[in-house]
Amino acid sequence: MPDSMSEQLQQDMECEGLLECFHGLKQLDRDCFQALVRAEEPLTVDEIAEVVDRERSTAYRAVQRLLQTGFIRKDQVNYDQGGYYHVYSPTDPSKIADDMQRLLNDWYAKMGQLIQEFETKYESTDATVPAES
């Protein structure tokens, strides 16, 4: 595999790792997301299931996880004679990136707070611990 192809594959794996790290998405969730990204138009759950070669109910659960994380959006398409169906498409990557940045900032602030609490708690007990001889 040429270096550029190898580098692209590594970069794709790292990007997908973000999806797992931030949102706990499974491989199937990532496959469904990739199917939507690669599609030229929004897809139904049946179409997504066909692309990822899974049962409709399995693909539906992955789609629901992607909706909950905000990675995809759902739109309703109305039939002329009445009734409707839903199609799914990826959310704007900049919105997803902004959401992940917000999560990271929140995590960073929380870790800073926990470190400060740790230091405060053990700094006050440090003077009462007898030194080893």
C-alpha atoms as a PDB file:
ATOM      1  CA  MET A   1       0.000   0.000   0.000  1.00  0.00           C
ATOM      2  CA  PRO A   2       1.501   3.409  -0.928  1.00  0.00           C
ATOM      3  CA  ASP A   3       2.430   5.780   1.883  1.00  0.00           C
ATOM      4  CA  SER A   4      -0.351   8.242   1.077  1.00  0.00           C
ATOM      5  CA  MET A   5      -2.949   5.459   1.128  1.00  0.00           C
ATOM      6  CA  SER A   6      -1.497   4.096   4.368  1.00  0.00           C
ATOM      7  CA  GLU A   7      -1.531   7.554   5.939  1.00  0.00           C
ATOM      8  CA  GLN A   8      -5.147   8.105   4.839  1.00  0.00           C
ATOM      9  CA  LEU A   9      -6.194   4.753   6.334  1.00  0.00           C
ATOM     10  CA  GLN A  10      -4.448   5.615   9.614  1.00  0.00           C
ATOM     11  CA  GLN A  11      -6.101   9.042   9.665  1.00  0.00           C
ATOM     12  CA  ASP A  12      -9.538   7.482   9.002  1.00  0.00           C
ATOM     13  CA  MET A  13      -8.979   5.018  11.853  1.00  0.00           C
ATOM     14  CA  GLU A  14      -7.998   7.852  14.196  1.00  0.00           C
ATOM     15  CA  CYS A  15     -11.081   9.876  13.208  1.00  0.00           C
ATOM     16  CA  GLU A  16     -13.317   6.852  13.778  1.00  0.00           C
ATOM     17  CA  GLY A  17     -11.597   6.386  17.129  1.00  0.00           C
ATOM     18  CA  LEU A  18     -12.927   9.798  18.087  1.00  0.00           C
ATOM     19  CA  LEU A  19     -16.456   8.565  17.457  1.00  0.00           C
ATOM     20  CA  GLU A  20     -15.862   5.634  19.787  1.00  0.00           C
ATOM     21  CA  CYS A  21     -13.974   7.640  22.406  1.00  0.00           C
ATOM     22  CA  PHE A  22     -16.434  10.518  22.692  1.00  0.00           C
ATOM     23  CA  HIS A  23     -19.680   8.647  22.190  1.00  0.00           C
ATOM     24  CA  GLY A  24     -19.011   4.943  22.710  1.00  0.00           C
ATOM     25  CA  LEU A  25     -20.150   4.143  19.181  1.00  0.00           C
ATOM     26  CA  LYS A  26     -19.766   0.549  18.040  1.00  0.00           C
ATOM     27  CA  GLN A  27     -18.255  -0.663  14.776  1.00  0.00           C
ATOM     28  CA  LEU A  28     -21.734  -1.083  13.272  1.00  0.00           C
ATOM     29  CA  ASP A  29     -22.607   2.497  14.231  1.00  0.00           C
ATOM     30  CA  ARG A  30     -19.470   3.706  12.474  1.00  0.00           C
ATOM     31  CA  ASP A  31     -20.277   1.557   9.426  1.00  0.00           C
ATOM     32  CA  CYS A  32     -23.770   3.046   9.232  1.00  0.00           C
ATOM     33  CA  PHE A  33     -22.359   6.554   9.594  1.00  0.00           C
ATOM     34  CA  GLN A  34     -19.842   5.880   6.800  1.00  0.00           C
ATOM     35  CA  ALA A  35     -22.662   4.541   4.591  1.00  0.00           C
ATOM     36  CA  LEU A  36     -24.544   7.799   5.051  1.00  0.00           C
ATOM     37  CA  VAL A  37     -21.446   9.919   4.437  1.00  0.00           C
ATOM     38  CA  ARG A  38     -20.709   8.061   1.204  1.00  0.00           C
ATOM     39  CA  ALA A  39     -24.316   8.151  -0.050  1.00  0.00           C
ATOM     40  CA  GLU A  40     -25.216  10.815  -2.571  1.00  0.00           C
ATOM     41  CA  GLU A  41     -28.638  11.314  -1.001  1.00  0.00           C
ATOM     42  CA  PRO A  42     -30.340  10.551   2.323  1.00  0.00           C
ATOM     43  CA  LEU A  43     -31.047   6.861   2.983  1.00  0.00           C
ATOM     44  CA  THR A  44     -33.864   4.936   4.644  1.00  0.00           C
ATOM     45  CA  VAL A  45     -33.104   2.416   7.390  1.00  0.00           C
ATOM     46  CA  ASP A  46     -33.745  -0.381   4.873  1.00  0.00           C
ATOM     47  CA  GLU A  47     -31.155   1.096   2.508  1.00  0.00           C
ATOM     48  CA  ILE A  48     -28.643   1.526   5.327  1.00  0.00           C
ATOM     49  CA  ALA A  49     -29.216  -2.088   6.413  1.00  0.00           C
ATOM     50  CA  GLU A  50     -28.560  -3.252   2.864  1.00  0.00           C
ATOM     51  CA  VAL A  51     -25.310  -1.277   2.590  1.00  0.00           C
ATOM     52  CA  VAL A  52     -23.936  -2.603   5.912  1.00  0.00           C
ATOM     53  CA  ASP A  53     -25.367  -6.100   5.282  1.00  0.00           C
ATOM     54  CA  ARG A  54     -27.375  -6.323   8.504  1.00  0.00           C
ATOM     55  CA  GLU A  55     -30.969  -6.959   9.465  1.00  0.00           C
ATOM     56  CA  ARG A  56     -33.232  -3.903   9.448  1.00  0.00           C
ATOM     57  CA  SER A  57     -33.764  -4.024  13.237  1.00  0.00           C
ATOM     58  CA  THR A  58     -30.006  -4.114  13.859  1.00  0.00           C
ATOM     59  CA  ALA A  59     -29.389  -1.181  11.526  1.00  0.00           C
ATOM     60  CA  TYR A  60     -32.296   0.688  13.135  1.00  0.00           C
ATOM     61  CA  ARG A  61     -30.657   0.439  16.583  1.00  0.00           C
ATOM     62  CA  ALA A  62     -27.395   1.802  15.166  1.00  0.00           C
ATOM     63  CA  VAL A  63     -29.291   4.651  13.486  1.00  0.00           C
ATOM     64  CA  GLN A  64     -30.971   5.479  16.803  1.00  0.00           C
ATOM     65  CA  ARG A  65     -27.578   5.674  18.545  1.00  0.00           C
ATOM     66  CA  LEU A  66     -26.288   7.965  15.782  1.00  0.00           C
ATOM     67  CA  LEU A  67     -29.368  10.173  16.138  1.00  0.00           C
ATOM     68  CA  GLN A  68     -28.891  10.393  19.919  1.00  0.00           C
ATOM     69  CA  THR A  69     -25.295  11.515  19.509  1.00  0.00           C
ATOM     70  CA  GLY A  70     -26.239  14.077  16.872  1.00  0.00           C
ATOM     71  CA  PHE A  71     -24.096  12.508  14.145  1.00  0.00           C
ATOM     72  CA  ILE A  72     -27.039  12.127  11.793  1.00  0.00           C
ATOM     73  CA  ARG A  73     -30.383  13.783  11.274  1.00  0.00           C
ATOM     74  CA  LYS A  74     -33.789  12.412  10.376  1.00  0.00           C
ATOM     75  CA  ASP A  75     -36.086  13.988   7.814  1.00  0.00           C
ATOM     76  CA  GLN A  76     -39.641  13.080   6.910  1.00  0.00           C
ATOM     77  CA  VAL A  77     -40.637  12.536   3.282  1.00  0.00           C
ATOM     78  CA  ASN A  78     -44.360  12.722   2.551  1.00  0.00           C
ATOM     79  CA  TYR A  79     -46.100  10.609  -0.075  1.00  0.00           C
ATOM     80  CA  ASP A  80     -48.487  12.502  -2.396  1.00  0.00           C
ATOM     81  CA  GLN A  81     -51.321  10.094  -1.588  1.00  0.00           C
ATOM     82  CA  GLY A  82     -50.733  10.374   2.163  1.00  0.00           C
ATOM     83  CA  GLY A  83     -48.333   8.746   4.571  1.00  0.00           C
ATOM     84  CA  TYR A  84     -44.617   9.305   4.993  1.00  0.00           C
ATOM     85  CA  TYR A  85     -41.257   7.671   5.563  1.00  0.00           C
ATOM     86  CA  HIS A  86     -37.990   8.807   7.149  1.00  0.00           C
ATOM     87  CA  VAL A  87     -34.590   9.296   5.585  1.00  0.00           C
ATOM     88  CA  TYR A  88     -31.289   9.882   7.330  1.00  0.00           C
ATOM     89  CA  SER A  89     -28.247  11.953   6.438  1.00  0.00           C
ATOM     90  CA  PRO A  90     -25.031  12.951   8.210  1.00  0.00           C
ATOM     91  CA  THR A  91     -24.961  16.111  10.285  1.00  0.00           C
ATOM     92  CA  ASP A  92     -22.639  18.906   9.174  1.00  0.00           C
ATOM     93  CA  PRO A  93     -19.095  17.833  10.215  1.00  0.00           C
ATOM     94  CA  SER A  94     -18.382  21.265  11.712  1.00  0.00           C
ATOM     95  CA  LYS A  95     -21.353  20.866  14.088  1.00  0.00           C
ATOM     96  CA  ILE A  96     -20.120  17.413  15.119  1.00  0.00           C
ATOM     97  CA  ALA A  97     -16.621  18.817  15.665  1.00  0.00           C
ATOM     98  CA  ASP A  98     -18.024  21.707  17.735  1.00  0.00           C
ATOM     99  CA  ASP A  99     -19.987  19.232  19.884  1.00  0.00           C
ATOM    100  CA  MET A 100     -16.879  17.088  20.442  1.00  0.00           C
ATOM    101  CA  GLN A 101     -14.845  20.183  21.318  1.00  0.00           C
ATOM    102  CA  ARG A 102     -17.504  21.179  23.849  1.00  0.00           C
ATOM    103  CA  LEU A 103     -17.426  17.675  25.369  1.00  0.00           C
ATOM    104  CA  LEU A 104     -13.633  17.817  25.568  1.00  0.00           C
ATOM    105  CA  ASN A 105     -13.710  21.237  27.231  1.00  0.00           C
ATOM    106  CA  ASP A 106     -16.278  20.004  29.767  1.00  0.00           C
ATOM    107  CA  TRP A 107     -14.178  16.908  30.474  1.00  0.00           C
ATOM    108  CA  TYR A 108     -11.020  19.000  30.843  1.00  0.00           C
ATOM    109  CA  ALA A 109     -12.741  21.360  33.309  1.00  0.00           C
ATOM    110  CA  LYS A 110     -14.099  18.420  35.319  1.00  0.00           C
ATOM    111  CA  MET A 111     -10.667  16.736  35.464  1.00  0.00           C
ATOM    112  CA  GLY A 112      -9.093  20.015  36.594  1.00  0.00           C
ATOM    113  CA  GLN A 113     -11.669  20.259  39.377  1.00  0.00           C
ATOM    114  CA  LEU A 114     -11.050  16.653  40.471  1.00  0.00           C
ATOM    115  CA  ILE A 115      -7.284  17.189  40.499  1.00  0.00           C
ATOM    116  CA  GLN A 116      -7.732  20.289  42.642  1.00  0.00           C
ATOM    117  CA  GLU A 117     -10.000  18.369  45.037  1.00  0.00           C
ATOM    118  CA  PHE A 118      -7.422  15.575  45.211  1.00  0.00           C
ATOM    119  CA  GLU A 119      -4.626  18.001  45.988  1.00  0.00           C
ATOM    120  CA  THR A 120      -6.682  19.815  48.631  1.00  0.00           C
ATOM    121  CA  LYS A 121      -7.771  16.589  50.314  1.00  0.00           C
ATOM    122  CA  TYR A 122      -4.333  14.999  50.507  1.00  0.00           C
ATOM    123  CA  GLU A 123      -2.377  18.163  51.126  1.00  0.00           C
ATOM    124  CA  SER A 124      -4.232  18.655  54.424  1.00  0.00           C
ATOM    125  CA  THR A 125      -3.589  15.054  55.520  1.00  0.00           C
ATOM    126  CA  ASP A 126       0.054  15.095  54.425  1.00  0.00           C
ATOM    127  CA  ALA A 127       1.197  16.878  57.635  1.00  0.00           C
ATOM    128  CA  THR A 128      -0.489  14.279  59.873  1.00  0.00           C
ATOM    129  CA  VAL A 129       1.101  11.230  58.233  1.00  0.00           C
ATOM    130  CA  PRO A 130       4.137  10.100  60.259  1.00  0.00           C
ATOM    131  CA  ALA A 131       7.388   9.923  58.353  1.00  0.00           C
ATOM    132  CA  GLU A 132       8.924   6.484  57.888  1.00  0.00           C
ATOM    133  CA  SER A 133      12.166   5.856  59.740  1.00  0.00           C
END
